[in-house]
């Protein structure tokens, strides 16, 4: 029951049903799932460990925000993490290439069908598999939390209405192209090239997010029609 509660709350956070900064009521969680206080606390602790919520003493639990300062801090950490992942990745890890290629194929299928939430999951799985190949638990745990934030941020951007279809298609083409370059670097067992490919992929993600949140349509809005002069009243 605790696992089911964790999975459901995580899904609501990822699909933004629980908005960034929203408070999560532990009493409601206990009533909805019939959880005792200890299992409910365990569910919150798991979500906090995954980086989805923030638990504040005497204030409760809140969905981690997605404001500008947090996004800036996220990309600082994300860029550093991806370079570490690329440097420490053991490119000869058994099954690594097969797993990445299978995940990429599924990602491309989801992209063709505009299954945005599934796309964020598969993209996360792609990167987690590379981090796992570092065989370093500290690096993997750090990257794992960041990939969860990346999922939420990606889905938030996908839902923004300003994107024309051709922009989304071009963006997905660039993402898939980067994934192929990452696989090529691992195939060549070239960690330097892998670090470069992951760095460029991070820069693409950053550019995409910054472009999305900086779009301003007000300057392109039509001006109001000039007011017609009031008719002269009869004498």
Protein backbone atom coordinates (compact mmCIF):
# COMPACT_ATOMS: atom_id res chain seq x y z
CA UNK A 1 0.00 0.00 0.00
CA UNK A 2 2.86 2.35 0.74
CA UNK A 3 4.38 1.61 -2.66
CA UNK A 4 1.05 2.25 -4.40
CA UNK A 5 0.69 5.55 -2.57
CA UNK A 6 4.22 6.58 -3.56
CA UNK A 7 3.60 5.64 -7.21
CA UNK A 8 0.31 7.56 -7.36
CA UNK A 9 1.66 10.71 -5.71
CA UNK A 10 4.74 10.59 -7.94
CA UNK A 11 2.52 10.35 -11.04
CA UNK A 12 0.42 13.29 -9.86
CA UNK A 13 3.57 15.36 -9.35
CA UNK A 14 4.96 14.41 -12.76
CA UNK A 15 1.75 15.17 -14.64
CA UNK A 16 1.35 18.40 -12.62
CA UNK A 17 -1.95 17.38 -11.04
CA UNK A 18 -0.08 18.31 -7.89
CA UNK A 19 1.30 21.71 -8.79
CA UNK A 20 4.84 22.81 -7.89
CA UNK A 21 4.80 24.23 -4.40
CA UNK A 22 1.50 22.54 -3.47
CA UNK A 23 1.13 21.20 0.04
CA UNK A 24 0.55 17.45 0.40
CA UNK A 25 -1.80 16.61 3.24
CA UNK A 26 -0.62 13.56 5.14
CA UNK A 27 -4.00 13.12 6.83
CA UNK A 28 -5.69 12.92 3.43
CA UNK A 29 -3.07 10.41 2.32
CA UNK A 30 -3.77 8.27 5.37
CA UNK A 31 -7.53 8.40 4.83
CA UNK A 32 -7.41 7.75 1.08
CA UNK A 33 -5.13 4.71 1.30
CA UNK A 34 -5.96 3.52 4.78
CA UNK A 35 -2.35 4.02 5.77
CA UNK A 36 -1.16 4.29 9.31
CA UNK A 37 1.05 7.16 10.36
CA UNK A 38 4.26 5.14 9.95
CA UNK A 39 3.55 3.93 6.35
CA UNK A 40 2.41 7.45 5.41
CA UNK A 41 5.64 8.88 6.79
CA UNK A 42 7.57 6.23 4.84
CA UNK A 43 5.80 7.27 1.63
CA UNK A 44 6.79 10.90 2.24
CA UNK A 45 10.36 9.92 3.02
CA UNK A 46 10.65 7.96 -0.24
CA UNK A 47 9.31 10.87 -2.29
CA UNK A 48 11.68 13.24 -0.49
CA UNK A 49 14.60 10.90 -1.20
CA UNK A 50 13.64 10.92 -4.89
CA UNK A 51 13.61 14.72 -4.80
CA UNK A 52 9.92 15.20 -5.54
CA UNK A 53 8.84 16.76 -2.26
CA UNK A 54 10.33 18.89 0.49
CA UNK A 55 9.47 18.07 4.10
CA UNK A 56 9.59 21.06 6.42
CA UNK A 57 9.50 20.53 10.14
CA UNK A 58 6.23 21.64 11.72
CA UNK A 59 4.99 22.79 8.30
CA UNK A 60 4.36 19.57 6.39
CA UNK A 61 5.34 18.38 2.91
CA UNK A 62 5.35 20.39 -0.29
CA UNK A 63 5.92 19.58 -3.94
CA UNK A 64 9.36 20.84 -4.92
CA UNK A 65 9.01 24.20 -6.71
CA UNK A 66 9.82 24.85 -10.36
CA UNK A 67 10.64 28.55 -10.12
CA UNK A 68 13.50 30.33 -11.85
CA UNK A 69 16.08 30.08 -9.00
CA UNK A 70 15.42 26.35 -8.69
CA UNK A 71 15.71 25.86 -12.46
CA UNK A 72 19.04 27.68 -12.49
CA UNK A 73 20.35 25.54 -9.65
CA UNK A 74 19.02 22.43 -11.37
CA UNK A 75 20.95 23.04 -14.58
CA UNK A 76 24.16 23.79 -12.69
CA UNK A 77 23.88 20.43 -10.94
CA UNK A 78 22.56 18.60 -14.01
CA UNK A 79 25.42 19.69 -16.24
CA UNK A 80 28.03 18.69 -13.67
CA UNK A 81 26.28 15.36 -13.04
CA UNK A 82 26.12 14.42 -16.72
CA UNK A 83 29.82 15.09 -17.17
CA UNK A 84 30.56 12.86 -14.18
CA UNK A 85 28.31 10.16 -15.59
CA UNK A 86 30.10 10.31 -18.94
CA UNK A 87 33.54 10.22 -17.35
CA UNK A 88 32.84 7.26 -15.06
CA UNK A 89 30.59 5.27 -17.39
CA UNK A 90 32.02 1.83 -18.02
CA UNK A 91 31.26 1.63 -21.71
CA UNK A 92 31.83 -2.12 -21.78
CA UNK A 93 29.06 -2.68 -19.20
CA UNK A 94 27.18 -5.84 -20.16
CA UNK A 95 23.91 -5.12 -21.93
CA UNK A 96 24.41 -1.34 -21.89
CA UNK A 97 24.22 -0.77 -25.64
CA UNK A 98 21.28 -3.15 -26.10
CA UNK A 99 19.36 -1.50 -23.27
CA UNK A 100 19.99 1.99 -24.64
CA UNK A 101 19.00 1.06 -28.17
CA UNK A 102 15.80 -0.62 -26.98
CA UNK A 103 14.87 2.40 -24.86
CA UNK A 104 15.61 4.79 -27.72
CA UNK A 105 13.37 2.80 -30.06
CA UNK A 106 10.51 3.00 -27.55
CA UNK A 107 11.18 6.72 -27.06
CA UNK A 108 10.96 7.39 -30.78
CA UNK A 109 7.66 5.51 -30.95
CA UNK A 110 6.26 7.54 -28.05
CA UNK A 111 7.44 10.77 -29.70
CA UNK A 112 5.62 9.91 -32.93
CA UNK A 113 2.43 9.48 -30.91
CA UNK A 114 3.01 12.61 -28.78
CA UNK A 115 2.89 10.53 -25.58
CA UNK A 116 4.63 13.19 -23.54
CA UNK A 117 4.55 11.56 -20.12
CA UNK A 118 5.84 8.30 -21.58
CA UNK A 119 8.57 10.23 -23.39
CA UNK A 120 9.78 11.73 -20.13
CA UNK A 121 9.86 8.28 -18.55
CA UNK A 122 11.82 6.69 -21.41
CA UNK A 123 14.25 9.60 -21.62
CA UNK A 124 14.88 9.23 -17.90
CA UNK A 125 15.42 5.48 -18.27
CA UNK A 126 17.91 6.10 -21.09
CA UNK A 127 20.04 8.37 -18.92
CA UNK A 128 19.64 6.28 -15.77
CA UNK A 129 21.03 3.28 -17.61
CA UNK A 130 24.19 5.21 -18.47
CA UNK A 131 24.53 6.43 -14.88
CA UNK A 132 24.07 2.88 -13.62
CA UNK A 133 26.97 1.80 -15.84
CA UNK A 134 29.25 4.01 -13.74
CA UNK A 135 29.01 1.32 -11.04
CA UNK A 136 29.23 4.17 -8.54
CA UNK A 137 26.27 4.38 -6.19
CA UNK A 138 26.95 7.99 -5.21
CA UNK A 139 26.99 9.17 -8.80
CA UNK A 140 23.89 7.16 -9.65
CA UNK A 141 21.90 8.42 -6.65
CA UNK A 142 22.79 12.03 -7.46
CA UNK A 143 21.89 11.60 -11.13
CA UNK A 144 18.69 9.71 -10.28
CA UNK A 145 17.27 12.68 -8.34
CA UNK A 146 18.16 15.07 -11.14
CA UNK A 147 16.53 12.87 -13.78
CA UNK A 148 13.32 12.99 -11.75
CA UNK A 149 13.43 16.79 -11.83
CA UNK A 150 14.18 16.69 -15.55
CA UNK A 151 11.06 14.56 -16.12
CA UNK A 152 8.84 17.07 -14.34
CA UNK A 153 10.41 20.05 -16.06
CA UNK A 154 10.17 18.39 -19.49
CA UNK A 155 6.51 17.55 -19.07
CA UNK A 156 5.76 21.07 -17.88
CA UNK A 157 7.33 22.45 -21.05
CA UNK A 158 5.55 19.95 -23.30
CA UNK A 159 2.20 21.18 -22.00
CA UNK A 160 2.89 24.81 -22.77
CA UNK A 161 0.53 25.89 -25.56
CA UNK A 162 2.96 28.22 -27.36
CA UNK A 163 4.82 25.43 -29.17
CA UNK A 164 3.83 24.88 -32.81
CA UNK A 165 3.88 21.27 -33.98
CA UNK A 166 6.87 21.89 -36.24
CA UNK A 167 8.89 23.15 -33.27
CA UNK A 168 8.10 20.04 -31.23
CA UNK A 169 9.02 17.84 -34.19
CA UNK A 170 12.35 19.62 -34.63
CA UNK A 171 13.04 19.41 -30.91
CA UNK A 172 12.33 15.67 -30.82
CA UNK A 173 14.53 15.16 -33.86
CA UNK A 174 17.40 16.92 -32.06
CA UNK A 175 16.89 14.89 -28.89
CA UNK A 176 16.89 11.60 -30.80
CA UNK A 177 19.96 12.72 -32.74
CA UNK A 178 21.78 13.44 -29.50
CA UNK A 179 20.81 10.02 -28.14
CA UNK A 180 22.30 8.39 -31.23
CA UNK A 181 25.53 10.36 -30.73
CA UNK A 182 25.65 9.18 -27.12
CA UNK A 183 25.24 5.58 -28.23
CA UNK A 184 27.95 6.06 -30.88
CA UNK A 185 30.40 7.30 -28.22
CA UNK A 186 29.66 4.30 -26.00
CA UNK A 187 30.01 1.94 -28.97
CA UNK A 188 33.44 3.44 -29.66
CA UNK A 189 34.29 3.11 -25.93
CA UNK A 190 35.29 6.76 -26.00
CA UNK A 191 34.53 8.42 -22.66
CA UNK A 192 35.83 11.78 -23.80
CA UNK A 193 33.38 11.77 -26.70
CA UNK A 194 30.66 10.58 -24.33
CA UNK A 195 31.27 13.49 -21.97
CA UNK A 196 31.08 15.87 -24.93
CA UNK A 197 27.87 14.28 -26.24
CA UNK A 198 26.20 14.44 -22.82
CA UNK A 199 27.32 18.04 -22.35
CA UNK A 200 25.85 19.06 -25.70
CA UNK A 201 22.66 17.19 -24.85
CA UNK A 202 22.42 19.12 -21.57
CA UNK A 203 22.92 22.39 -23.44
CA UNK A 204 20.10 21.43 -25.81
CA UNK A 205 17.81 20.73 -22.88
CA UNK A 206 18.76 24.05 -21.27
CA UNK A 207 18.16 25.95 -24.51
CA UNK A 208 14.80 24.28 -24.98
CA UNK A 209 13.63 25.10 -21.44
CA UNK A 210 14.89 28.69 -21.52
CA UNK A 211 13.25 29.29 -24.89
CA UNK A 212 9.95 27.91 -23.63
CA UNK A 213 9.77 30.00 -20.48
CA UNK A 214 10.98 33.17 -22.20
CA UNK A 215 8.36 33.19 -24.94
CA UNK A 216 6.44 36.46 -24.89
CA UNK A 217 3.47 36.85 -27.15
CA UNK A 218 2.23 40.20 -25.91
CA UNK A 219 4.49 42.17 -28.26
CA UNK A 220 2.86 40.39 -31.21
CA UNK A 221 -0.70 41.03 -30.11
CA UNK A 222 -2.86 43.19 -32.38
CA UNK A 223 -3.41 46.77 -31.40
CA UNK A 224 -6.96 47.80 -30.56
CA UNK A 225 -8.88 49.56 -33.29
CA UNK A 226 -8.82 53.34 -32.98
CA UNK A 227 -11.89 54.65 -31.26
CA UNK A 228 -14.39 56.32 -33.58
CA UNK A 229 -15.18 59.91 -32.71
CA UNK A 230 -18.39 60.45 -30.83
CA UNK A 231 -21.15 61.84 -33.03
CA UNK A 232 -21.93 65.51 -32.54
CA UNK A 233 -25.19 65.87 -30.67
CA UNK A 234 -27.92 67.74 -32.54
CA UNK A 235 -28.33 71.42 -31.72
